Amino acid sequence: MTMRRFGPTAFVLFALGIQYYFHEMIGDRAFLLLYPAVFLGAFVGSLRAQLVAIKIATIGAWYIFIPPPFSFELNDVGAAFGLLIFF
């Protein structure tokens, strides 16, 4: 029961942490590890938990990885389009 409820969010938070740790090697691919985490969470969790995980992944990628880092400012149309497609 708890894996269905918290599994997708745990996968996304783990992917955000790994991507942050290896950010220098990965580069500007903001959603590289988040797509597999969301897909894996879709098989494990419920719909509500998955929607929460997608929101956390989108906000986390926007805040941490999309330039300028650690802000919610969007200066690039391509980044805004990527966020829209991911969400």
N, C-alpha and C. Protein backbone atom coordinates (compact mmCIF):
# COMPACT_ATOMS: atom_id res chain seq x y z
N MET A 1 0.83 -1.20 0.00
CA MET A 1 0.00 0.00 0.00
C MET A 1 0.87 1.26 0.00
N THR A 2 1.94 1.27 0.79
CA THR A 2 2.76 2.49 0.84
C THR A 2 3.55 2.68 -0.44
N MET A 3 3.92 1.58 -1.13
CA MET A 3 4.62 1.73 -2.40
C MET A 3 3.71 2.32 -3.46
N ARG A 4 2.44 1.96 -3.42
CA ARG A 4 1.49 2.55 -4.37
C ARG A 4 1.30 4.05 -4.11
N ARG A 5 1.39 4.42 -2.85
CA ARG A 5 1.13 5.81 -2.49
C ARG A 5 2.38 6.69 -2.63
N PHE A 6 3.53 6.18 -2.19
CA PHE A 6 4.74 7.01 -2.16
C PHE A 6 5.82 6.59 -3.14
N GLY A 7 5.62 5.49 -3.85
CA GLY A 7 6.62 4.99 -4.79
C GLY A 7 6.98 5.96 -5.91
N PRO A 8 5.99 6.51 -6.63
CA PRO A 8 6.33 7.44 -7.72
C PRO A 8 7.10 8.67 -7.24
N THR A 9 6.72 9.21 -6.11
CA THR A 9 7.42 10.37 -5.58
C THR A 9 8.85 10.01 -5.17
N ALA A 10 9.03 8.82 -4.60
CA ALA A 10 10.37 8.38 -4.21
C ALA A 10 11.26 8.20 -5.44
N PHE A 11 10.71 7.65 -6.52
CA PHE A 11 11.48 7.49 -7.74
C PHE A 11 11.91 8.84 -8.30
N VAL A 12 11.00 9.80 -8.29
CA VAL A 12 11.30 11.14 -8.83
C VAL A 12 12.33 11.84 -7.96
N LEU A 13 12.18 11.78 -6.66
CA LEU A 13 13.16 12.43 -5.78
C LEU A 13 14.53 11.78 -5.90
N PHE A 14 14.57 10.46 -6.06
CA PHE A 14 15.83 9.78 -6.27
C PHE A 14 16.46 10.21 -7.59
N ALA A 15 15.66 10.32 -8.65
CA ALA A 15 16.17 10.75 -9.95
C ALA A 15 16.67 12.19 -9.90
N LEU A 16 15.96 13.07 -9.19
CA LEU A 16 16.42 14.45 -9.04
C LEU A 16 17.76 14.50 -8.30
N GLY A 17 17.90 13.70 -7.27
CA GLY A 17 19.16 13.68 -6.53
C GLY A 17 20.32 13.15 -7.36
N ILE A 18 20.10 12.08 -8.10
CA ILE A 18 21.16 11.52 -8.95
C ILE A 18 21.52 12.49 -10.06
N GLN A 19 20.51 13.11 -10.65
CA GLN A 19 20.79 14.06 -11.73
C GLN A 19 21.52 15.29 -11.21
N TYR A 20 21.19 15.74 -10.02
CA TYR A 20 21.90 16.87 -9.44
C TYR A 20 23.36 16.52 -9.14
N TYR A 21 23.57 15.30 -8.66
CA TYR A 21 24.93 14.87 -8.33
C TYR A 21 25.80 14.76 -9.58
N PHE A 22 25.22 14.27 -10.67
CA PHE A 22 25.97 14.09 -11.92
C PHE A 22 25.68 15.19 -12.94
N HIS A 23 25.26 16.35 -12.48
CA HIS A 23 24.87 17.43 -13.39
C HIS A 23 26.01 17.88 -14.30
N GLU A 24 27.23 17.88 -13.81
CA GLU A 24 28.37 18.30 -14.64
C GLU A 24 28.57 17.34 -15.81
N MET A 25 28.35 16.06 -15.59
CA MET A 25 28.54 15.08 -16.67
C MET A 25 27.33 15.03 -17.61
N ILE A 26 26.13 15.22 -17.08
CA ILE A 26 24.92 15.13 -17.89
C ILE A 26 24.74 16.37 -18.75
N GLY A 27 25.03 17.54 -18.20
CA GLY A 27 24.89 18.77 -18.95
C GLY A 27 23.51 19.38 -18.82
N ASP A 28 23.02 19.95 -19.90
CA ASP A 28 21.77 20.71 -19.87
C ASP A 28 20.53 19.87 -20.18
N ARG A 29 20.62 18.59 -20.02
CA ARG A 29 19.46 17.73 -20.27
C ARG A 29 18.65 17.65 -18.97
N ALA A 30 17.70 18.55 -18.82
CA ALA A 30 17.00 18.72 -17.55
C ALA A 30 16.10 17.54 -17.20
N PHE A 31 15.59 16.83 -18.19
CA PHE A 31 14.62 15.77 -17.92
C PHE A 31 15.17 14.38 -18.21
N LEU A 32 16.48 14.24 -18.32
CA LEU A 32 17.09 12.98 -18.74
C LEU A 32 16.72 11.81 -17.83
N LEU A 33 16.84 11.97 -16.54
CA LEU A 33 16.52 10.89 -15.62
C LEU A 33 15.09 10.96 -15.08
N LEU A 34 14.40 12.05 -15.36
CA LEU A 34 13.04 12.18 -14.84
C LEU A 34 12.02 11.39 -15.66
N TYR A 35 12.23 11.29 -16.97
CA TYR A 35 11.32 10.49 -17.79
C TYR A 35 11.28 9.03 -17.33
N PRO A 36 12.42 8.36 -17.16
CA PRO A 36 12.35 6.97 -16.66
C PRO A 36 11.75 6.86 -15.27
N ALA A 37 12.01 7.84 -14.41
CA ALA A 37 11.44 7.79 -13.06
C ALA A 37 9.92 7.91 -13.09
N VAL A 38 9.41 8.76 -13.96
CA VAL A 38 7.96 8.93 -14.08
C VAL A 38 7.34 7.68 -14.70
N PHE A 39 7.97 7.11 -15.71
CA PHE A 39 7.44 5.89 -16.33
C PHE A 39 7.45 4.72 -15.35
N LEU A 40 8.52 4.57 -14.59
CA LEU A 40 8.60 3.50 -13.61
C LEU A 40 7.55 3.70 -12.50
N GLY A 41 7.37 4.94 -12.10
CA GLY A 41 6.35 5.24 -11.09
C GLY A 41 4.94 4.98 -11.57
N ALA A 42 4.72 5.08 -12.89
CA ALA A 42 3.39 4.82 -13.43
C ALA A 42 3.01 3.36 -13.28
N PHE A 43 3.98 2.46 -13.32
CA PHE A 43 3.68 1.05 -13.15
C PHE A 43 3.46 0.68 -11.69
N VAL A 44 4.05 1.43 -10.80
CA VAL A 44 4.02 1.07 -9.38
C VAL A 44 2.88 1.77 -8.64
N GLY A 45 2.67 3.05 -8.91
CA GLY A 45 1.79 3.84 -8.08
C GLY A 45 0.40 4.05 -8.62
N SER A 46 -0.39 4.71 -7.81
CA SER A 46 -1.75 5.06 -8.19
C SER A 46 -1.74 6.33 -9.04
N LEU A 47 -2.88 6.66 -9.60
CA LEU A 47 -2.97 7.83 -10.46
C LEU A 47 -2.68 9.12 -9.68
N ARG A 48 -3.24 9.24 -8.50
CA ARG A 48 -3.04 10.44 -7.70
C ARG A 48 -1.57 10.60 -7.32
N ALA A 49 -0.93 9.52 -6.91
CA ALA A 49 0.49 9.58 -6.56
C ALA A 49 1.34 9.93 -7.78
N GLN A 50 0.96 9.41 -8.93
CA GLN A 50 1.71 9.72 -10.14
C GLN A 50 1.57 11.18 -10.54
N LEU A 51 0.39 11.75 -10.40
CA LEU A 51 0.21 13.17 -10.71
C LEU A 51 1.03 14.06 -9.77
N VAL A 52 1.09 13.68 -8.51
CA VAL A 52 1.92 14.43 -7.55
C VAL A 52 3.39 14.31 -7.94
N ALA A 53 3.82 13.12 -8.35
CA ALA A 53 5.21 12.91 -8.74
C ALA A 53 5.56 13.72 -9.99
N ILE A 54 4.65 13.82 -10.94
CA ILE A 54 4.90 14.62 -12.15
C ILE A 54 5.04 16.09 -11.79
N LYS A 55 4.20 16.57 -10.89
CA LYS A 55 4.31 17.97 -10.46
C LYS A 55 5.64 18.22 -9.75
N ILE A 56 6.04 17.31 -8.88
CA ILE A 56 7.31 17.47 -8.18
C ILE A 56 8.47 17.44 -9.16
N ALA A 57 8.42 16.55 -10.14
CA ALA A 57 9.49 16.45 -11.14
C ALA A 57 9.57 17.72 -11.98
N THR A 58 8.44 18.25 -12.38
CA THR A 58 8.44 19.47 -13.20
C THR A 58 8.98 20.66 -12.41
N ILE A 59 8.50 20.84 -11.20
CA ILE A 59 8.95 21.97 -10.39
C ILE A 59 10.43 21.80 -10.02
N GLY A 60 10.84 20.58 -9.70
CA GLY A 60 12.24 20.34 -9.35
C GLY A 60 13.18 20.59 -10.52
N ALA A 61 12.81 20.11 -11.71
CA ALA A 61 13.64 20.34 -12.89
C ALA A 61 13.70 21.82 -13.24
N TRP A 62 12.57 22.50 -13.11
CA TRP A 62 12.53 23.93 -13.42
C TRP A 62 13.42 24.70 -12.44
N TYR A 63 13.34 24.40 -11.18
CA TYR A 63 14.08 25.15 -10.18
C TYR A 63 15.58 24.84 -10.20
N ILE A 64 15.93 23.57 -10.37
CA ILE A 64 17.33 23.18 -10.23
C ILE A 64 18.10 23.23 -11.54
N PHE A 65 17.52 22.75 -12.64
CA PHE A 65 18.31 22.49 -13.84
C PHE A 65 18.12 23.48 -14.99
N ILE A 66 17.00 24.17 -15.06
CA ILE A 66 16.77 25.07 -16.18
C ILE A 66 17.38 26.43 -15.85
N PRO A 67 18.23 26.94 -16.77
CA PRO A 67 18.92 28.22 -16.49
C PRO A 67 17.95 29.39 -16.37
N PRO A 68 18.22 30.32 -15.50
CA PRO A 68 19.25 30.37 -14.47
C PRO A 68 18.91 29.41 -13.34
N PRO A 69 19.91 28.65 -12.85
CA PRO A 69 19.63 27.64 -11.82
C PRO A 69 19.20 28.26 -10.50
N PHE A 70 18.42 27.50 -9.77
CA PHE A 70 17.90 27.86 -8.46
C PHE A 70 17.05 29.12 -8.50
N SER A 71 16.26 29.24 -9.55
CA SER A 71 15.24 30.29 -9.65
C SER A 71 14.13 29.79 -10.55
N PHE A 72 12.97 30.40 -10.44
CA PHE A 72 11.84 30.03 -11.29
C PHE A 72 11.71 30.96 -12.49
N GLU A 73 12.78 31.63 -12.86
CA GLU A 73 12.77 32.54 -13.99
C GLU A 73 12.98 31.75 -15.29
N LEU A 74 12.18 32.07 -16.30
CA LEU A 74 12.33 31.43 -17.61
C LEU A 74 12.77 32.47 -18.63
N ASN A 75 13.98 32.31 -19.15
CA ASN A 75 14.49 33.24 -20.15
C ASN A 75 14.50 32.66 -21.55
N ASP A 76 14.22 31.38 -21.67
CA ASP A 76 14.33 30.68 -22.94
C ASP A 76 12.98 30.09 -23.33
N VAL A 77 12.59 30.31 -24.57
CA VAL A 77 11.33 29.77 -25.06
C VAL A 77 11.41 28.24 -25.15
N GLY A 78 12.57 27.72 -25.52
CA GLY A 78 12.75 26.28 -25.61
C GLY A 78 12.60 25.60 -24.26
N ALA A 79 13.08 26.23 -23.20
CA ALA A 79 12.93 25.67 -21.86
C ALA A 79 11.46 25.66 -21.43
N ALA A 80 10.76 26.73 -21.75
CA ALA A 80 9.34 26.79 -21.43
C ALA A 80 8.56 25.72 -22.19
N PHE A 81 8.92 25.50 -23.45
CA PHE A 81 8.27 24.47 -24.24
C PHE A 81 8.58 23.08 -23.69
N GLY A 82 9.81 22.85 -23.25
CA GLY A 82 10.17 21.58 -22.64
C GLY A 82 9.40 21.30 -21.37
N LEU A 83 9.23 22.33 -20.54
CA LEU A 83 8.43 22.18 -19.32
C LEU A 83 6.98 21.86 -19.65
N LEU A 84 6.44 22.51 -20.66
CA LEU A 84 5.06 22.28 -21.05
C LEU A 84 4.87 20.86 -21.57
N ILE A 85 5.82 20.38 -22.37
CA ILE A 85 5.72 19.03 -22.91
C ILE A 85 5.86 18.00 -21.79
N PHE A 86 6.77 18.22 -20.86
CA PHE A 86 6.96 17.27 -19.77
C PHE A 86 5.75 17.22 -18.86
N PHE A 87 5.16 18.38 -18.55
CA PHE A 87 4.05 18.43 -17.62
C PHE A 87 2.82 17.90 -18.29
